Amino acid sequence: IVLSSSHSYHRNDVQLRSTPFRYLLTPSMQK
């Protein structure tokens, strides 16, 4: 599990209207 962050000023309109947290899963993790 990698804990990271991303520039808030790169958010699009959908991201601005929702939670500031996001996740990504590799295919082997999704299972």
Full PDB file with SEQRES, HELIX, SHEET, SSBOND, CRYST1, ORIGX, SCALE, CONECT and MASTER records, all heavy atoms in Angstrom:
SEQRES   1 A   31  ILE VAL LEU SER SER SER HIS SER TYR HIS ARG ASN ASP          
SEQRES   2 A   31  VAL GLN LEU ARG SER THR PRO PHE ARG TYR LEU LEU THR          
SEQRES   3 A   31  PRO SER MET GLN LYS                                          
HELIX    1 AA1 SER A    8  HIS A   10  5                                   3    
HELIX    2 AA2 ASP A   13  LEU A   16  1                                   4    
HELIX    3 AA3 PRO A   27  GLN A   30  1                                   4    
CRYST1    1.000    1.000    1.000  90.00  90.00  90.00 P 1           1          
ORIGX1      1.000000  0.000000  0.000000        0.00000                         
ORIGX2      0.000000  1.000000  0.000000        0.00000                         
ORIGX3      0.000000  0.000000  1.000000        0.00000                         
SCALE1      1.000000  0.000000  0.000000        0.00000                         
SCALE2      0.000000  1.000000  0.000000        0.00000                         
SCALE3      0.000000  0.000000  1.000000        0.00000                         
ATOM      1  N   ILE A   1       0.865  -1.186   0.000  1.00  0.00           N  
ATOM      2  CA  ILE A   1       0.000   0.000   0.000  1.00  0.00           C  
ATOM      3  C   ILE A   1       0.898   1.231   0.000  1.00  0.00           C  
ATOM      4  O   ILE A   1       1.702   1.425   0.915  1.00  0.00           O  
ATOM      5  CB  ILE A   1      -0.948   0.018   1.203  1.00  0.00           C  
ATOM      6  CG1 ILE A   1      -1.851  -1.214   1.168  1.00  0.00           C  
ATOM      7  CG2 ILE A   1      -1.795   1.299   1.206  1.00  0.00           C  
ATOM      8  CD1 ILE A   1      -2.770  -1.353   2.366  1.00  0.00           C  
ATOM      9  N   VAL A   2       0.762   2.037  -1.052  1.00  0.00           N  
ATOM     10  CA  VAL A   2       1.570   3.252  -1.205  1.00  0.00           C  
ATOM     11  C   VAL A   2       0.721   4.455  -0.813  1.00  0.00           C  
ATOM     12  O   VAL A   2      -0.395   4.637  -1.323  1.00  0.00           O  
ATOM     13  CB  VAL A   2       2.056   3.408  -2.664  1.00  0.00           C  
ATOM     14  CG1 VAL A   2       2.887   4.681  -2.807  1.00  0.00           C  
ATOM     15  CG2 VAL A   2       2.860   2.194  -3.094  1.00  0.00           C  
ATOM     16  N   LEU A   3       1.228   5.263   0.102  1.00  0.00           N  
ATOM     17  CA  LEU A   3       0.542   6.483   0.530  1.00  0.00           C  
ATOM     18  C   LEU A   3       1.175   7.661  -0.195  1.00  0.00           C  
ATOM     19  O   LEU A   3       2.391   7.846  -0.145  1.00  0.00           O  
ATOM     20  CB  LEU A   3       0.648   6.658   2.046  1.00  0.00           C  
ATOM     21  CG  LEU A   3       0.092   5.497   2.884  1.00  0.00           C  
ATOM     22  CD1 LEU A   3       0.208   5.806   4.369  1.00  0.00           C  
ATOM     23  CD2 LEU A   3      -1.339   5.182   2.519  1.00  0.00           C  
ATOM     24  N   SER A   4       0.352   8.437  -0.882  1.00  0.00           N  
ATOM     25  CA  SER A   4       0.888   9.499  -1.725  1.00  0.00           C  
ATOM     26  C   SER A   4      -0.026  10.718  -1.687  1.00  0.00           C  
ATOM     27  O   SER A   4      -0.973  10.794  -0.892  1.00  0.00           O  
ATOM     28  CB  SER A   4       1.049   8.979  -3.163  1.00  0.00           C  
ATOM     29  OG  SER A   4       1.676   9.940  -3.977  1.00  0.00           O  
ATOM     30  N   SER A   5       0.275  11.682  -2.550  1.00  0.00           N  
ATOM     31  CA  SER A   5      -0.529  12.905  -2.650  1.00  0.00           C  
ATOM     32  C   SER A   5      -0.394  13.427  -4.072  1.00  0.00           C  
ATOM     33  O   SER A   5       0.457  12.981  -4.837  1.00  0.00           O  
ATOM     34  CB  SER A   5      -0.051  13.954  -1.636  1.00  0.00           C  
ATOM     35  OG  SER A   5       1.349  14.166  -1.745  1.00  0.00           O  
ATOM     36  N   SER A   6      -1.248  14.376  -4.414  1.00  0.00           N  
ATOM     37  CA  SER A   6      -1.218  14.950  -5.757  1.00  0.00           C  
ATOM     38  C   SER A   6      -1.599  16.416  -5.669  1.00  0.00           C  
ATOM     39  O   SER A   6      -2.327  16.829  -4.757  1.00  0.00           O  
ATOM     40  CB  SER A   6      -2.189  14.196  -6.670  1.00  0.00           C  
ATOM     41  OG  SER A   6      -2.114  14.672  -7.999  1.00  0.00           O  
ATOM     42  N   HIS A   7      -1.106  17.211  -6.606  1.00  0.00           N  
ATOM     43  CA  HIS A   7      -1.368  18.647  -6.605  1.00  0.00           C  
ATOM     44  C   HIS A   7      -2.867  18.923  -6.698  1.00  0.00           C  
ATOM     45  O   HIS A   7      -3.538  18.466  -7.620  1.00  0.00           O  
ATOM     46  CB  HIS A   7      -0.663  19.331  -7.773  1.00  0.00           C  
ATOM     47  CG  HIS A   7       0.824  19.418  -7.615  1.00  0.00           C  
ATOM     48  ND1 HIS A   7       1.421  20.128  -6.590  1.00  0.00           N  
ATOM     49  CD2 HIS A   7       1.837  18.901  -8.362  1.00  0.00           C  
ATOM     50  CE1 HIS A   7       2.742  20.043  -6.708  1.00  0.00           C  
ATOM     51  NE2 HIS A   7       3.019  19.309  -7.768  1.00  0.00           N  
ATOM     52  N   SER A   8      -3.380  19.699  -5.748  1.00  0.00           N  
ATOM     53  CA  SER A   8      -4.819  20.000  -5.740  1.00  0.00           C  
ATOM     54  C   SER A   8      -5.222  20.870  -6.925  1.00  0.00           C  
ATOM     55  O   SER A   8      -6.366  20.815  -7.372  1.00  0.00           O  
ATOM     56  CB  SER A   8      -5.210  20.684  -4.432  1.00  0.00           C  
ATOM     57  OG  SER A   8      -4.490  21.891  -4.259  1.00  0.00           O  
ATOM     58  N   TYR A   9      -4.283  21.666  -7.459  1.00  0.00           N  
ATOM     59  CA  TYR A   9      -4.650  22.559  -8.552  1.00  0.00           C  
ATOM     60  C   TYR A   9      -4.791  21.829  -9.894  1.00  0.00           C  
ATOM     61  O   TYR A   9      -5.190  22.432 -10.884  1.00  0.00           O  
ATOM     62  CB  TYR A   9      -3.658  23.722  -8.673  1.00  0.00           C  
ATOM     63  CG  TYR A   9      -2.220  23.355  -8.955  1.00  0.00           C  
ATOM     64  CD1 TYR A   9      -1.800  23.027 -10.250  1.00  0.00           C  
ATOM     65  CD2 TYR A   9      -1.271  23.374  -7.944  1.00  0.00           C  
ATOM     66  CE1 TYR A   9      -0.486  22.708 -10.507  1.00  0.00           C  
ATOM     67  CE2 TYR A   9       0.053  23.057  -8.196  1.00  0.00           C  
ATOM     68  CZ  TYR A   9       0.447  22.726  -9.479  1.00  0.00           C  
ATOM     69  OH  TYR A   9       1.759  22.404  -9.730  1.00  0.00           O  
ATOM     70  N   HIS A  10      -4.466  20.524  -9.921  1.00  0.00           N  
ATOM     71  CA  HIS A  10      -4.649  19.742 -11.137  1.00  0.00           C  
ATOM     72  C   HIS A  10      -6.031  19.074 -11.186  1.00  0.00           C  
ATOM     73  O   HIS A  10      -6.320  18.367 -12.151  1.00  0.00           O  
ATOM     74  CB  HIS A  10      -3.573  18.657 -11.237  1.00  0.00           C  
ATOM     75  CG  HIS A  10      -2.302  19.139 -11.856  1.00  0.00           C  
ATOM     76  ND1 HIS A  10      -2.077  19.144 -13.213  1.00  0.00           N  
ATOM     77  CD2 HIS A  10      -1.170  19.643 -11.295  1.00  0.00           C  
ATOM     78  CE1 HIS A  10      -0.875  19.612 -13.472  1.00  0.00           C  
ATOM     79  NE2 HIS A  10      -0.292  19.931 -12.320  1.00  0.00           N  
ATOM     80  N   ARG A  11      -6.857  19.282 -10.180  1.00  0.00           N  
ATOM     81  CA  ARG A  11      -8.162  18.627 -10.164  1.00  0.00           C  
ATOM     82  C   ARG A  11      -9.071  19.173 -11.262  1.00  0.00           C  
ATOM     83  O   ARG A  11      -9.044  20.366 -11.581  1.00  0.00           O  
ATOM     84  CB  ARG A  11      -8.840  18.833  -8.814  1.00  0.00           C  
ATOM     85  CG  ARG A  11      -8.226  18.023  -7.679  1.00  0.00           C  
ATOM     86  CD  ARG A  11      -8.901  18.314  -6.366  1.00  0.00           C  
ATOM     87  NE  ARG A  11      -8.635  19.692  -5.932  1.00  0.00           N  
ATOM     88  CZ  ARG A  11      -9.187  20.255  -4.856  1.00  0.00           C  
ATOM     89  NH1 ARG A  11     -10.045  19.569  -4.125  1.00  0.00           N  
ATOM     90  NH2 ARG A  11      -8.885  21.490  -4.544  1.00  0.00           N  
ATOM     91  N   ASN A  12      -9.918  18.287 -11.795  1.00  0.00           N  
ATOM     92  CA  ASN A  12     -10.933  18.728 -12.745  1.00  0.00           C  
ATOM     93  C   ASN A  12     -12.223  19.064 -11.990  1.00  0.00           C  
ATOM     94  O   ASN A  12     -12.273  18.990 -10.752  1.00  0.00           O  
ATOM     95  CB  ASN A  12     -11.183  17.668 -13.823  1.00  0.00           C  
ATOM     96  CG  ASN A  12     -11.586  16.318 -13.235  1.00  0.00           C  
ATOM     97  OD1 ASN A  12     -12.242  16.252 -12.185  1.00  0.00           O  
ATOM     98  ND2 ASN A  12     -11.213  15.235 -13.901  1.00  0.00           N  
ATOM     99  N   ASP A  13     -13.271  19.434 -12.710  1.00  0.00           N  
ATOM    100  CA  ASP A  13     -14.511  19.879 -12.071  1.00  0.00           C  
ATOM    101  C   ASP A  13     -15.133  18.788 -11.207  1.00  0.00           C  
ATOM    102  O   ASP A  13     -15.631  19.059 -10.109  1.00  0.00           O  
ATOM    103  CB  ASP A  13     -15.510  20.331 -13.140  1.00  0.00           C  
ATOM    104  CG  ASP A  13     -15.095  21.635 -13.810  1.00  0.00           C  
ATOM    105  OD1 ASP A  13     -14.216  22.314 -13.258  1.00  0.00           O  
ATOM    106  OD2 ASP A  13     -15.645  21.962 -14.877  1.00  0.00           O  
ATOM    107  N   VAL A  14     -15.116  17.554 -11.695  1.00  0.00           N  
ATOM    108  CA  VAL A  14     -15.693  16.443 -10.922  1.00  0.00           C  
ATOM    109  C   VAL A  14     -14.924  16.248  -9.617  1.00  0.00           C  
ATOM    110  O   VAL A  14     -15.516  16.060  -8.546  1.00  0.00           O  
ATOM    111  CB  VAL A  14     -15.673  15.140 -11.753  1.00  0.00           C  
ATOM    112  CG1 VAL A  14     -16.119  13.955 -10.905  1.00  0.00           C  
ATOM    113  CG2 VAL A  14     -16.569  15.280 -12.980  1.00  0.00           C  
ATOM    114  N   GLN A  15     -13.600  16.300  -9.689  1.00  0.00           N  
ATOM    115  CA  GLN A  15     -12.774  16.098  -8.493  1.00  0.00           C  
ATOM    116  C   GLN A  15     -12.927  17.239  -7.502  1.00  0.00           C  
ATOM    117  O   GLN A  15     -12.846  17.033  -6.285  1.00  0.00           O  
ATOM    118  CB  GLN A  15     -11.318  15.930  -8.913  1.00  0.00           C  
ATOM    119  CG  GLN A  15     -11.061  14.634  -9.685  1.00  0.00           C  
ATOM    120  CD  GLN A  15      -9.702  14.600 -10.354  1.00  0.00           C  
ATOM    121  OE1 GLN A  15      -9.089  15.651 -10.607  1.00  0.00           O  
ATOM    122  NE2 GLN A  15      -9.199  13.407 -10.652  1.00  0.00           N  
ATOM    123  N   LEU A  16     -13.149  18.446  -8.004  1.00  0.00           N  
ATOM    124  CA  LEU A  16     -13.339  19.596  -7.115  1.00  0.00           C  
ATOM    125  C   LEU A  16     -14.624  19.475  -6.304  1.00  0.00           C  
ATOM    126  O   LEU A  16     -14.721  19.996  -5.187  1.00  0.00           O  
ATOM    127  CB  LEU A  16     -13.369  20.890  -7.930  1.00  0.00           C  
ATOM    128  CG  LEU A  16     -12.017  21.417  -8.431  1.00  0.00           C  
ATOM    129  CD1 LEU A  16     -12.237  22.503  -9.472  1.00  0.00           C  
ATOM    130  CD2 LEU A  16     -11.188  21.950  -7.276  1.00  0.00           C  
ATOM    131  N   ARG A  17     -15.616  18.789  -6.851  1.00  0.00           N  
ATOM    132  CA  ARG A  17     -16.916  18.691  -6.176  1.00  0.00           C  
ATOM    133  C   ARG A  17     -17.044  17.447  -5.311  1.00  0.00           C  
ATOM    134  O   ARG A  17     -18.109  17.200  -4.752  1.00  0.00           O  
ATOM    135  CB  ARG A  17     -18.041  18.696  -7.228  1.00  0.00           C  
ATOM    136  CG  ARG A  17     -18.230  20.035  -7.949  1.00  0.00           C  
ATOM    137  CD  ARG A  17     -19.547  20.056  -8.711  1.00  0.00           C  
ATOM    138  NE  ARG A  17     -19.550  19.083  -9.791  1.00  0.00           N  
ATOM    139  CZ  ARG A  17     -19.217  19.356 -11.056  1.00  0.00           C  
ATOM    140  NH1 ARG A  17     -18.842  20.596 -11.379  1.00  0.00           N  
ATOM    141  NH2 ARG A  17     -19.245  18.426 -11.983  1.00  0.00           N  
ATOM    142  N   SER A  18     -15.973  16.660  -5.203  1.00  0.00           N  
ATOM    143  CA  SER A  18     -16.061  15.413  -4.445  1.00  0.00           C  
ATOM    144  C   SER A  18     -14.954  15.346  -3.397  1.00  0.00           C  
ATOM    145  O   SER A  18     -14.211  16.296  -3.185  1.00  0.00           O  
ATOM    146  CB  SER A  18     -15.969  14.210  -5.396  1.00  0.00           C  
ATOM    147  OG  SER A  18     -14.732  14.218  -6.080  1.00  0.00           O  
ATOM    148  N   THR A  19     -14.860  14.200  -2.757  1.00  0.00           N  
ATOM    149  CA  THR A  19     -13.850  13.995  -1.716  1.00  0.00           C  
ATOM    150  C   THR A  19     -12.443  14.192  -2.280  1.00  0.00           C  
ATOM    151  O   THR A  19     -12.186  13.894  -3.448  1.00  0.00           O  
ATOM    152  CB  THR A  19     -13.975  12.570  -1.135  1.00  0.00           C  
ATOM    153  OG1 THR A  19     -12.882  12.314  -0.238  1.00  0.00           O  
ATOM    154  CG2 THR A  19     -13.940  11.519  -2.230  1.00  0.00           C  
ATOM    155  N   PRO A  20     -11.491  14.679  -1.469  1.00  0.00           N  
ATOM    156  CA  PRO A  20     -10.111  14.867  -1.946  1.00  0.00           C  
ATOM    157  C   PRO A  20      -9.297  13.572  -1.974  1.00  0.00           C  
ATOM    158  O   PRO A  20      -8.130  13.591  -2.360  1.00  0.00           O  
ATOM    159  CB  PRO A  20      -9.527  15.857  -0.943  1.00  0.00           C  
ATOM    160  CG  PRO A  20     -10.272  15.583   0.320  1.00  0.00           C  
ATOM    161  CD  PRO A  20     -11.676  15.232  -0.111  1.00  0.00           C  
ATOM    162  N   PHE A  21      -9.896  12.462  -1.550  1.00  0.00           N  
ATOM    163  CA  PHE A  21      -9.164  11.189  -1.502  1.00  0.00           C  
ATOM    164  C   PHE A  21      -9.469  10.341  -2.741  1.00  0.00           C  
ATOM    165  O   PHE A  21     -10.590  10.335  -3.246  1.00  0.00           O  
ATOM    166  CB  PHE A  21      -9.537  10.406  -0.244  1.00  0.00           C  
ATOM    167  CG  PHE A  21      -9.153  11.092   1.035  1.00  0.00           C  
ATOM    168  CD1 PHE A  21     -10.093  11.801   1.776  1.00  0.00           C  
ATOM    169  CD2 PHE A  21      -7.844  11.044   1.507  1.00  0.00           C  
ATOM    170  CE1 PHE A  21      -9.743  12.441   2.942  1.00  0.00           C  
ATOM    171  CE2 PHE A  21      -7.491  11.683   2.680  1.00  0.00           C  
ATOM    172  CZ  PHE A  21      -8.439  12.387   3.400  1.00  0.00           C  
ATOM    173  N   ARG A  22      -8.459   9.608  -3.200  1.00  0.00           N  
ATOM    174  CA  ARG A  22      -8.602   8.703  -4.329  1.00  0.00           C  
ATOM    175  C   ARG A  22      -7.785   7.434  -4.079  1.00  0.00           C  
ATOM    176  O   ARG A  22      -6.879   7.415  -3.254  1.00  0.00           O  
ATOM    177  CB  ARG A  22      -8.122   9.358  -5.628  1.00  0.00           C  
ATOM    178  CG  ARG A  22      -9.002  10.483  -6.150  1.00  0.00           C  
ATOM    179  CD  ARG A  22     -10.359   9.984  -6.595  1.00  0.00           C  
ATOM    180  NE  ARG A  22     -11.161  11.010  -7.218  1.00  0.00           N  
ATOM    181  CZ  ARG A  22     -11.921  11.884  -6.562  1.00  0.00           C  
ATOM    182  NH1 ARG A  22     -11.928  11.871  -5.238  1.00  0.00           N  
ATOM    183  NH2 ARG A  22     -12.654  12.770  -7.215  1.00  0.00           N  
ATOM    184  N   TYR A  23      -8.118   6.375  -4.829  1.00  0.00           N  
ATOM    185  CA  TYR A  23      -7.368   5.133  -4.716  1.00  0.00           C  
ATOM    186  C   TYR A  23      -7.138   4.525  -6.094  1.00  0.00           C  
ATOM    187  O   TYR A  23      -7.851   4.831  -7.062  1.00  0.00           O  
ATOM    188  CB  TYR A  23      -8.105   4.126  -3.823  1.00  0.00           C  
ATOM    189  CG  TYR A  23      -9.288   3.466  -4.492  1.00  0.00           C  
ATOM    190  CD1 TYR A  23      -9.149   2.249  -5.169  1.00  0.00           C  
ATOM    191  CD2 TYR A  23     -10.558   4.047  -4.459  1.00  0.00           C  
ATOM    192  CE1 TYR A  23     -10.229   1.653  -5.798  1.00  0.00           C  
ATOM    193  CE2 TYR A  23     -11.635   3.451  -5.084  1.00  0.00           C  
ATOM    194  CZ  TYR A  23     -11.467   2.248  -5.753  1.00  0.00           C  
ATOM    195  OH  TYR A  23     -12.532   1.653  -6.383  1.00  0.00           O  
ATOM    196  N   LEU A  24      -6.135   3.663  -6.179  1.00  0.00           N  
ATOM    197  CA  LEU A  24      -5.848   2.865  -7.375  1.00  0.00           C  
ATOM    198  C   LEU A  24      -5.541   1.443  -6.923  1.00  0.00           C  
ATOM    199  O   LEU A  24      -4.866   1.247  -5.902  1.00  0.00           O  
ATOM    200  CB  LEU A  24      -4.640   3.418  -8.130  1.00  0.00           C  
ATOM    201  CG  LEU A  24      -4.822   4.659  -8.995  1.00  0.00           C  
ATOM    202  CD1 LEU A  24      -3.459   5.157  -9.463  1.00  0.00           C  
ATOM    203  CD2 LEU A  24      -5.707   4.358 -10.190  1.00  0.00           C  
ATOM    204  N   LEU A  25      -6.016   0.459  -7.660  1.00  0.00           N  
ATOM    205  CA  LEU A  25      -5.733  -0.946  -7.370  1.00  0.00           C  
ATOM    206  C   LEU A  25      -5.158  -1.612  -8.610  1.00  0.00           C  
ATOM    207  O   LEU A  25      -5.675  -1.414  -9.714  1.00  0.00           O  
ATOM    208  CB  LEU A  25      -7.006  -1.693  -6.947  1.00  0.00           C  
ATOM    209  CG  LEU A  25      -7.769  -1.200  -5.717  1.00  0.00           C  
ATOM    210  CD1 LEU A  25      -9.032  -2.028  -5.517  1.00  0.00           C  
ATOM    211  CD2 LEU A  25      -6.896  -1.261  -4.473  1.00  0.00           C  
ATOM    212  N   THR A  26      -4.108  -2.405  -8.419  1.00  0.00           N  
ATOM    213  CA  THR A  26      -3.611  -3.209  -9.533  1.00  0.00           C  
ATOM    214  C   THR A  26      -4.595  -4.355  -9.768  1.00  0.00           C  
ATOM    215  O   THR A  26      -5.356  -4.728  -8.862  1.00  0.00           O  
ATOM    216  CB  THR A  26      -2.211  -3.769  -9.223  1.00  0.00           C  
ATOM    217  OG1 THR A  26      -2.289  -4.595  -8.053  1.00  0.00           O  
ATOM    218  CG2 THR A  26      -1.213  -2.649  -8.997  1.00  0.00           C  
ATOM    219  N   PRO A  27      -4.597  -4.936 -10.980  1.00  0.00           N  
ATOM    220  CA  PRO A  27      -5.534  -6.037 -11.264  1.00  0.00           C  
ATOM    221  C   PRO A  27      -5.451  -7.185 -10.265  1.00  0.00           C  
ATOM    222  O   PRO A  27      -6.480  -7.752  -9.870  1.00  0.00           O  
ATOM    223  CB  PRO A  27      -5.117  -6.487 -12.668  1.00  0.00           C  
ATOM    224  CG  PRO A  27      -4.546  -5.253 -13.296  1.00  0.00           C  
ATOM    225  CD  PRO A  27      -3.844  -4.528 -12.177  1.00  0.00           C  
ATOM    226  N   SER A  28      -4.243  -7.543  -9.827  1.00  0.00           N  
ATOM    227  CA  SER A  28      -4.102  -8.649  -8.876  1.00  0.00           C  
ATOM    228  C   SER A  28      -4.617  -8.282  -7.494  1.00  0.00           C  
ATOM    229  O   SER A  28      -4.978  -9.168  -6.701  1.00  0.00           O  
ATOM    230  CB  SER A  28      -2.639  -9.093  -8.786  1.00  0.00           C  
ATOM    231  OG  SER A  28      -1.801  -8.004  -8.498  1.00  0.00           O  
ATOM    232  N   MET A  29      -4.674  -6.996  -7.186  1.00  0.00           N  
ATOM    233  CA  MET A  29      -5.228  -6.547  -5.901  1.00  0.00           C  
ATOM    234  C   MET A  29      -6.752  -6.491  -5.959  1.00  0.00           C  
ATOM    235  O   MET A  29      -7.431  -6.800  -4.967  1.00  0.00           O  
ATOM    236  CB  MET A  29      -4.664  -5.168  -5.546  1.00  0.00           C  
ATOM    237  CG  MET A  29      -5.171  -4.591  -4.227  1.00  0.00           C  
ATOM    238  SD  MET A  29      -4.545  -5.473  -2.791  1.00  0.00           S  
ATOM    239  CE  MET A  29      -3.553  -4.203  -2.048  1.00  0.00           C  
ATOM    240  N   GLN A  30      -7.293  -6.143  -7.105  1.00  0.00           N  
ATOM    241  CA  GLN A  30      -8.744  -6.014  -7.244  1.00  0.00           C  
ATOM    242  C   GLN A  30      -9.458  -7.320  -6.911  1.00  0.00           C  
ATOM    243  O   GLN A  30     -10.545  -7.308  -6.327  1.00  0.00           O  
ATOM    244  CB  GLN A  30      -9.092  -5.581  -8.669  1.00  0.00           C  
ATOM    245  CG  GLN A  30      -8.744  -4.136  -8.979  1.00  0.00           C  
ATOM    246  CD  GLN A  30      -9.043  -3.752 -10.415  1.00  0.00           C  
ATOM    247  OE1 GLN A  30      -9.430  -4.596 -11.211  1.00  0.00           O  
ATOM    248  NE2 GLN A  30      -8.855  -2.487 -10.730  1.00  0.00           N  
ATOM    249  N   LYS A  31      -8.859  -8.440  -7.265  1.00  0.00           N  
ATOM    250  CA  LYS A  31      -9.503  -9.734  -7.043  1.00  0.00           C  
ATOM    251  C   LYS A  31      -9.846  -9.964  -5.579  1.00  0.00           C  
ATOM    252  O   LYS A  31     -10.884 -10.546  -5.256  1.00  0.00           O  
ATOM    253  CB  LYS A  31      -8.586 -10.862  -7.532  1.00  0.00           C  
ATOM    254  CG  LYS A  31      -8.246 -10.793  -9.014  1.00  0.00           C  
ATOM    255  CD  LYS A  31      -7.195 -11.839  -9.365  1.00  0.00           C  
ATOM    256  CE  LYS A  31      -6.723 -11.688 -10.809  1.00  0.00           C  
ATOM    257  NZ  LYS A  31      -5.631 -12.647 -11.137  1.00  0.00           N  
TER     258      LYS A  31                                                      
MASTER        0    0    0    3    0    0    0    6  257    1    0    3          
END                                                                             
